[in-house]
Every structure is written in C-alpha cells, then in structure tokens.
Amino acid sequence: MAISLVLFGNSAWAKPVKLGIIGFQMSSETHARVVNAAAEKAKAKGWEVTVLNSRGSMPEHAAQLENLVQSGVDGIVLAMGKVLQLESQLSEATAKGISVVSVSAGTSPHTLFDVNVNEYEVGAKIAVYLLGRLNYQGKILVQRYEGHGGTRIRGKLLDVVLSENKGIDVLDTHTMAKTKSWREDVKAGMEALILKNQGKFDAIWTSFDGQAFIIDDILQGMGMKKGDVILIGVDGGPEADRRIQDPKSLFTATVEIPFADMGEAAVDALDKIVVQKMKKSDVVKGPFLFMSATVIDETNVSAKLIH
C-alpha cells in the first residue's frame, strides 16, 4: 500500500520534489527505521513523498520500483533494496534521469551510492567482542543469514576471526533460509539446535538482532537466566537497549547501526544532488557513504543516545 503525503514548503524548485521510498520488508524494525526517518526528513523539506512496502517479496519490490519510475518521481530511496536484482528497473530510472540512492543494499551502476556502515568493520567488531567475553575459550552456536550482503559479510568475518582463534568451537549452525516467514524459520531452527546442544554452549552469535531477540525468548522460556550464555547481535535500537538492561534477558550486546541517521543522510544527499544540483562526486566519494557503528553493552547502554 502506498502512503502519499503532499507536503508544501520552501524548496529550491517551483514545485515540491517527488520522492519515492521503498522498504523491502517493513515488518523488520531496521527497514522501518530507515524508511520512517527518510520520510520525515523529506517531509521537513516540503517534498511530496510516496512510501511503499515490498513485504519481503522480490516481484513486488521490482513492480513497485517500476511504478515509481513510470510515475515520474525525481528521486528514489531503496531501503535494504535488492539492487542487484533490479537491473532493468534501475536502468530505466537512469534513462529517465531519476536519481536513486540505496540504504544498506549494495551498489549498482544505476544508483548514485549506498548509505551504509562498513560491514567488514561491523563484523570484526562483534566477533572480537564475543571472543573477548568468552576469554577466547568456549563453544558457540551460530545463527546466520546469507540473503543480505551485510549479514553475509558479518558471518564471513566471524569465520576469519575464528580461524585465528582455535579456542572457540562452533557446535552447530542454523542458516535462516526464508524472508517473509523468517521469524518462524529462526524459532524452529534454533529451538532444535538449543535442545540438541543443551548445556554444552557458552554463547550464541547471530547475524542481526531480530534473530537474537527470538533466541532470547527461547532461552528465557527454557528457564535460562542472564549470564548463563552470551547472546550477541547487530543492529541496535530501542528493543536492543531494553533487552540489554532487562535483568531477565540474556541479550548481551550489539553493534548499533544508525539506521535513522542513514535514512536522513540519503534524503540530505538527494537534496544536494537533485535540488541544489551539486555533483555526486562533491557529495560522496566513491560508491558508499559510510556511517559509524558502535558496540553497545551493559557498560554504555544507559548513557548513549538512541537513534
């Protein structure tokens, strides 16, 4: 469903800029944070905004992008979009002079750049953090997701770190295979691994916080207490903060990615390029606009600003 907001305000143009924003899976908190922040930023600029939710469906994702291109928008933000699978639609956008910026979606010859964190840095940060909490000795379970570039890179960095630290053993791994029903997939897969390895593991590594929250609920449901095992993820945000501070939760730490800031940065960059007519090279050097990510645990969660 599209939500159209016609917003008037001061603009360098005689009429409001038309911006389309597509979130690949708005049931995911991180996708929603990017989309909502981008929409609010555009609203503050007096732009006309169309927000679309692909609901985790690649055909719907492609169709929505095609519809935006045909509608004659001035710019498009793809939140966690699948740019490598949108070659035809993005090529058409380029032909029509429509500027496309992605957020945490990778790059394409037909997008200006991707607003992201350095996932290699993020993956290394959380892997080394986990090993430090274990004092570089112990047994772990791993929950992966290969369907997104960022989560896949985090898993690869975990493998690199483990290859240099032989005191950590991976007892078992579950790889999330589905998108639309990912919560059920993680719950079923990790319940089986936890029961199979009950009493044998010291920590669980997950590729993103949403997976960790499901696992946290499983562990609590089994009667496990905070400190029994270390449970880490990546993404951050209000729910991660709440669980880190919750005395009943086993969720231990995350690397906070500033999703709201990333959505705002995408809109600000489009403003400079589309409205102010600045050169892309004067706004962003290269195919990525990188933002900082921070490890959050019980030592700093209460003092930080929540994005």
Protein backbone atom coordinates (compact mmCIF):
# COMPACT_ATOMS: atom_id res chain seq x y z
CA MET A 1 0.00 0.00 0.00
CA ALA A 2 1.29 3.46 -0.85
CA ILE A 3 1.04 6.31 1.60
CA SER A 4 1.15 9.62 -0.26
CA LEU A 5 1.90 12.80 1.60
CA VAL A 6 1.67 16.03 -0.37
CA LEU A 7 3.75 18.49 1.54
CA PHE A 8 4.41 22.07 0.64
CA GLY A 9 7.20 24.23 1.91
CA ASN A 10 10.25 26.18 0.89
CA SER A 11 12.14 24.49 -1.89
CA ALA A 12 14.74 25.38 -4.47
CA TRP A 13 12.23 24.12 -7.01
CA ALA A 14 8.97 25.85 -8.03
CA LYS A 15 7.12 22.68 -7.02
CA PRO A 16 7.80 20.02 -4.38
CA VAL A 17 10.35 17.35 -5.15
CA LYS A 18 8.67 13.98 -5.71
CA LEU A 19 10.42 11.28 -3.70
CA GLY A 20 9.64 7.57 -3.70
CA ILE A 21 10.81 5.42 -0.77
CA ILE A 22 10.66 1.63 -0.88
CA GLY A 23 11.23 -0.52 2.19
CA PHE A 24 11.89 -4.14 1.30
CA GLN A 25 10.37 -5.59 4.48
CA MET A 26 8.69 -3.07 6.76
CA SER A 27 7.90 -5.74 9.37
CA SER A 28 11.63 -5.56 10.08
CA GLU A 29 12.35 -2.80 12.61
CA THR A 30 15.56 -1.78 10.84
CA HIS A 31 13.88 -1.36 7.44
CA ALA A 32 11.09 0.65 9.07
CA ARG A 33 13.53 2.92 10.90
CA VAL A 34 15.27 3.83 7.64
CA VAL A 35 12.02 4.44 5.77
CA ASN A 36 10.32 6.43 8.51
CA ALA A 37 13.35 8.64 9.11
CA ALA A 38 13.76 9.28 5.36
CA ALA A 39 10.06 10.13 5.01
CA GLU A 40 10.14 12.53 7.95
CA LYS A 41 13.29 14.22 6.65
CA ALA A 42 11.70 14.67 3.21
CA LYS A 43 8.51 15.96 4.85
CA ALA A 44 10.52 18.60 6.69
CA LYS A 45 11.91 19.74 3.33
CA GLY A 46 8.40 20.13 1.90
CA TRP A 47 8.70 17.22 -0.53
CA GLU A 48 5.92 15.02 -1.90
CA VAL A 49 6.58 11.52 -0.57
CA THR A 50 5.33 8.09 -1.61
CA VAL A 51 6.19 5.24 0.78
CA LEU A 52 5.96 1.63 -0.38
CA ASN A 53 6.45 -1.68 1.44
CA SER A 54 7.57 -4.67 -0.65
CA ARG A 55 6.68 -7.06 2.22
CA GLY A 56 9.72 -9.19 1.52
CA SER A 57 8.54 -10.06 -2.00
CA MET A 58 11.07 -9.63 -4.78
CA PRO A 59 8.41 -9.49 -7.56
CA GLU A 60 6.52 -6.82 -5.60
CA HIS A 61 9.80 -4.99 -4.97
CA ALA A 62 10.55 -4.85 -8.71
CA ALA A 63 6.98 -3.86 -9.58
CA GLN A 64 6.98 -1.03 -7.04
CA LEU A 65 10.23 0.36 -8.40
CA GLU A 66 8.86 0.13 -11.94
CA ASN A 67 5.72 2.00 -10.89
CA LEU A 68 7.74 4.77 -9.23
CA VAL A 69 9.89 5.16 -12.32
CA GLN A 70 6.80 5.36 -14.53
CA SER A 71 5.15 7.89 -12.20
CA GLY A 72 7.93 10.39 -12.84
CA VAL A 73 9.42 10.86 -9.38
CA ASP A 74 12.55 12.98 -9.04
CA GLY A 75 14.36 10.64 -6.70
CA ILE A 76 14.08 7.21 -5.10
CA VAL A 77 15.41 5.78 -1.82
CA LEU A 78 15.68 1.98 -1.65
CA ALA A 79 15.80 0.83 1.98
CA MET A 80 17.52 -2.56 2.04
CA GLY A 81 16.61 -2.88 -1.62
CA LYS A 82 17.85 -5.72 -3.79
CA VAL A 83 19.71 -3.58 -6.28
CA LEU A 84 21.49 -6.47 -8.00
CA GLN A 85 18.11 -7.94 -8.93
CA LEU A 86 16.68 -4.66 -10.23
CA GLU A 87 18.94 -4.05 -13.22
CA SER A 88 16.12 -3.44 -15.69
CA GLN A 89 14.15 -1.06 -13.48
CA LEU A 90 17.22 0.86 -12.31
CA SER A 91 18.46 1.19 -15.87
CA GLU A 92 15.12 2.71 -16.81
CA ALA A 93 15.39 5.13 -13.90
CA THR A 94 18.79 6.23 -15.17
CA ALA A 95 17.39 6.72 -18.67
CA LYS A 96 14.65 8.95 -17.24
CA GLY A 97 17.12 10.99 -15.17
CA ILE A 98 15.80 9.75 -11.83
CA SER A 99 18.35 9.75 -9.02
CA VAL A 100 18.39 6.56 -6.92
CA VAL A 101 20.11 6.18 -3.55
CA SER A 102 20.09 2.88 -1.70
CA VAL A 103 20.49 2.25 2.03
CA SER A 104 22.22 -0.93 3.17
CA ALA A 105 21.58 -2.53 -0.20
CA GLY A 106 24.86 -2.55 -2.09
CA THR A 107 25.59 -0.65 -5.26
CA SER A 108 24.69 -0.75 -8.93
CA PRO A 109 25.92 1.16 -11.98
CA HIS A 110 22.45 2.73 -11.98
CA THR A 111 22.41 4.01 -8.38
CA LEU A 112 24.28 7.05 -7.09
CA PHE A 113 25.65 5.36 -3.97
CA ASP A 114 24.72 3.24 -0.98
CA VAL A 115 24.40 4.70 2.52
CA ASN A 116 25.84 2.06 4.79
CA VAL A 117 28.20 1.13 7.57
CA ASN A 118 31.43 -0.68 6.79
CA GLU A 119 30.13 -4.21 7.30
CA TYR A 120 33.66 -5.62 7.42
CA GLU A 121 34.35 -3.39 10.40
CA VAL A 122 30.99 -4.25 11.99
CA GLY A 123 31.56 -7.99 11.56
CA ALA A 124 35.02 -7.77 13.05
CA LYS A 125 33.83 -5.66 15.99
CA ILE A 126 31.11 -8.03 17.14
CA ALA A 127 33.16 -11.19 16.54
CA VAL A 128 36.13 -9.93 18.52
CA TYR A 129 33.79 -8.63 21.23
CA LEU A 130 32.22 -12.07 21.58
CA LEU A 131 35.57 -13.81 21.82
CA GLY A 132 36.68 -11.31 24.43
CA ARG A 133 33.62 -12.00 26.57
CA LEU A 134 34.48 -15.71 26.35
CA ASN A 135 38.13 -15.06 27.15
CA TYR A 136 38.86 -16.74 23.79
CA GLN A 137 37.73 -20.16 25.05
CA GLY A 138 34.38 -21.87 24.67
CA LYS A 139 31.70 -23.39 22.48
CA ILE A 140 29.18 -21.42 20.45
CA LEU A 141 26.08 -21.76 18.31
CA VAL A 142 25.79 -19.66 15.16
CA GLN A 143 22.66 -18.21 13.52
CA ARG A 144 23.40 -16.97 10.00
CA TYR A 145 21.55 -15.25 7.17
CA GLU A 146 23.09 -15.39 3.69
CA GLY A 147 20.34 -13.49 1.87
CA HIS A 148 21.65 -9.98 2.62
CA GLY A 149 25.12 -8.66 1.85
CA GLY A 150 25.64 -7.14 5.28
CA THR A 151 24.66 -10.21 7.30
CA ARG A 152 26.63 -12.44 4.95
CA ILE A 153 29.77 -10.32 5.43
CA ARG A 154 29.34 -10.44 9.21
CA GLY A 155 29.32 -14.23 9.01
CA LYS A 156 32.43 -14.27 6.87
CA LEU A 157 34.25 -12.01 9.33
CA LEU A 158 33.23 -14.34 12.14
CA ASP A 159 34.83 -17.19 10.19
CA VAL A 160 38.03 -15.17 9.72
CA VAL A 161 38.25 -14.32 13.42
CA LEU A 162 37.55 -17.94 14.42
CA SER A 163 40.22 -19.19 12.02
CA GLU A 164 42.81 -17.30 14.06
CA ASN A 165 41.42 -18.30 17.46
CA LYS A 166 41.27 -22.06 17.85
CA GLY A 167 39.99 -21.94 21.43
CA ILE A 168 36.44 -21.37 20.17
CA ASP A 169 34.45 -24.32 18.80
CA VAL A 170 31.31 -23.91 16.68
CA LEU A 171 28.98 -26.68 17.87
CA ASP A 172 26.20 -26.07 15.35
CA THR A 173 24.88 -23.57 12.83
CA HIS A 174 21.42 -22.64 11.59
CA THR A 175 21.07 -20.56 8.42
CA MET A 176 17.89 -18.56 8.02
CA ALA A 177 16.51 -19.54 4.63
CA LYS A 178 13.24 -17.61 4.37
CA THR A 179 12.38 -13.94 4.23
CA LYS A 180 8.63 -13.48 4.65
CA SER A 181 8.40 -16.05 7.47
CA TRP A 182 11.88 -15.52 8.85
CA ARG A 183 10.77 -15.38 12.48
CA GLU A 184 9.21 -18.84 12.32
CA ASP A 185 12.28 -20.15 10.50
CA VAL A 186 14.67 -18.86 13.17
CA LYS A 187 12.46 -20.06 16.02
CA ALA A 188 12.14 -23.60 14.67
CA GLY A 189 15.77 -23.92 13.65
CA MET A 190 17.32 -22.53 16.81
CA GLU A 191 14.97 -24.33 19.19
CA ALA A 192 16.19 -27.57 17.64
CA LEU A 193 19.87 -26.60 17.97
CA ILE A 194 19.48 -25.34 21.53
CA LEU A 195 17.75 -28.54 22.64
CA LYS A 196 20.31 -30.68 20.82
CA ASN A 197 23.21 -28.86 22.47
CA GLN A 198 21.61 -28.01 25.81
CA GLY A 199 24.20 -27.41 28.50
CA LYS A 200 27.08 -27.53 26.01
CA PHE A 201 27.30 -24.00 24.62
CA ASP A 202 28.62 -20.78 26.14
CA ALA A 203 27.40 -18.23 23.61
CA ILE A 204 25.26 -17.64 20.52
CA TRP A 205 26.33 -15.44 17.63
CA THR A 206 23.55 -14.04 15.42
CA SER A 207 23.81 -12.09 12.19
CA PHE A 208 21.24 -9.48 13.25
CA ASP A 209 19.35 -8.51 16.40
CA GLY A 210 15.94 -9.70 15.24
CA GLN A 211 17.27 -13.25 15.27
CA ALA A 212 18.80 -12.71 18.71
CA PHE A 213 15.50 -11.47 20.16
CA ILE A 214 13.74 -14.66 19.06
CA ILE A 215 16.54 -16.75 20.55
CA ASP A 216 16.45 -14.69 23.76
CA ASP A 217 12.76 -15.54 24.14
CA ILE A 218 13.52 -19.22 23.56
CA LEU A 219 16.26 -19.24 26.20
CA GLN A 220 14.09 -17.40 28.73
CA GLY A 221 11.26 -19.84 28.03
CA MET A 222 13.62 -22.69 28.90
CA GLY A 223 14.35 -21.09 32.26
CA MET A 224 17.80 -19.74 31.45
CA LYS A 225 18.96 -16.63 33.28
CA LYS A 226 21.02 -13.59 32.38
CA GLY A 227 24.68 -14.57 32.28
CA ASP A 228 24.06 -18.28 31.60
CA VAL A 229 25.13 -17.73 27.99
CA ILE A 230 26.30 -14.74 25.97
CA LEU A 231 23.93 -13.70 23.17
CA ILE A 232 25.00 -11.05 20.67
CA GLY A 233 23.66 -9.46 17.51
CA VAL A 234 24.00 -6.46 15.23
CA ASP A 235 21.63 -3.54 14.51
CA GLY A 236 20.86 -1.77 17.80
CA GLY A 237 17.89 0.39 18.64
CA PRO A 238 15.30 0.69 21.41
CA GLU A 239 14.47 -3.03 21.70
CA ALA A 240 18.15 -3.98 21.85
CA ASP A 241 18.71 -1.37 24.56
CA ARG A 242 15.71 -2.62 26.53
CA ARG A 243 16.88 -6.21 26.47
CA ILE A 244 20.46 -5.36 27.41
CA GLN A 245 19.12 -3.60 30.52
CA ASP A 246 16.40 -6.18 31.27
CA PRO A 247 17.54 -8.39 34.22
CA LYS A 248 15.63 -11.34 32.72
CA SER A 249 17.06 -11.07 29.20
CA LEU A 250 20.14 -12.97 28.04
CA PHE A 251 20.75 -10.50 25.20
CA THR A 252 24.24 -9.21 25.90
CA ALA A 253 25.49 -6.81 23.24
CA THR A 254 25.00 -5.43 19.76
CA VAL A 255 26.75 -3.23 17.25
CA GLU A 256 24.39 -0.31 16.80
CA ILE A 257 23.91 0.72 13.19
CA PRO A 258 22.44 4.26 12.95
CA PHE A 259 19.53 3.34 10.66
CA ALA A 260 17.53 6.51 11.22
CA ASP A 261 20.58 8.64 10.52
CA MET A 262 21.20 6.64 7.36
CA GLY A 263 17.68 7.32 6.09
CA GLU A 264 18.11 11.02 6.79
CA ALA A 265 21.52 11.06 5.11
CA ALA A 266 20.04 9.54 1.94
CA VAL A 267 17.48 12.34 1.71
CA ASP A 268 20.02 15.07 2.50
CA ALA A 269 22.29 13.74 -0.24
CA LEU A 270 19.43 13.68 -2.75
CA ASP A 271 18.61 17.26 -1.77
CA LYS A 272 22.14 18.31 -2.64
CA ILE A 273 22.21 16.41 -5.92
CA VAL A 274 18.64 16.78 -7.20
CA VAL A 275 17.67 20.20 -5.85
CA GLN A 276 20.95 22.02 -5.33
CA LYS A 277 22.45 20.44 -8.47
CA MET A 278 25.73 19.54 -6.80
CA LYS A 279 27.93 16.96 -8.45
CA LYS A 280 27.68 13.49 -6.94
CA SER A 281 31.48 13.47 -6.51
CA ASP A 282 31.22 16.60 -4.36
CA VAL A 283 28.71 14.88 -2.06
CA VAL A 284 30.08 11.33 -1.83
CA LYS A 285 33.45 9.97 -2.86
CA GLY A 286 33.01 6.51 -4.30
CA PRO A 287 30.04 4.11 -4.23
CA PHE A 288 29.42 4.23 -0.46
CA LEU A 289 28.54 6.86 2.11
CA PHE A 290 29.80 5.20 5.28
CA MET A 291 28.48 5.96 8.77
CA SER A 292 29.84 4.90 12.16
CA ALA A 293 28.65 1.88 14.15
CA THR A 294 29.23 1.37 17.90
CA VAL A 295 29.33 -1.67 20.21
CA ILE A 296 26.60 -1.34 22.86
CA ASP A 297 26.50 -3.46 26.02
CA GLU A 298 25.71 -3.00 29.71
CA THR A 299 28.66 -0.63 30.15
CA ASN A 300 27.36 2.11 27.86
CA VAL A 301 23.71 1.41 27.02
CA SER A 302 22.26 3.78 29.59
CA ALA A 303 24.46 6.70 28.52
CA LYS A 304 24.02 6.58 24.75
CA LEU A 305 21.63 8.48 22.52
CA ILE A 306 19.06 6.12 20.98
CA HIS A 307 18.83 6.53 17.22
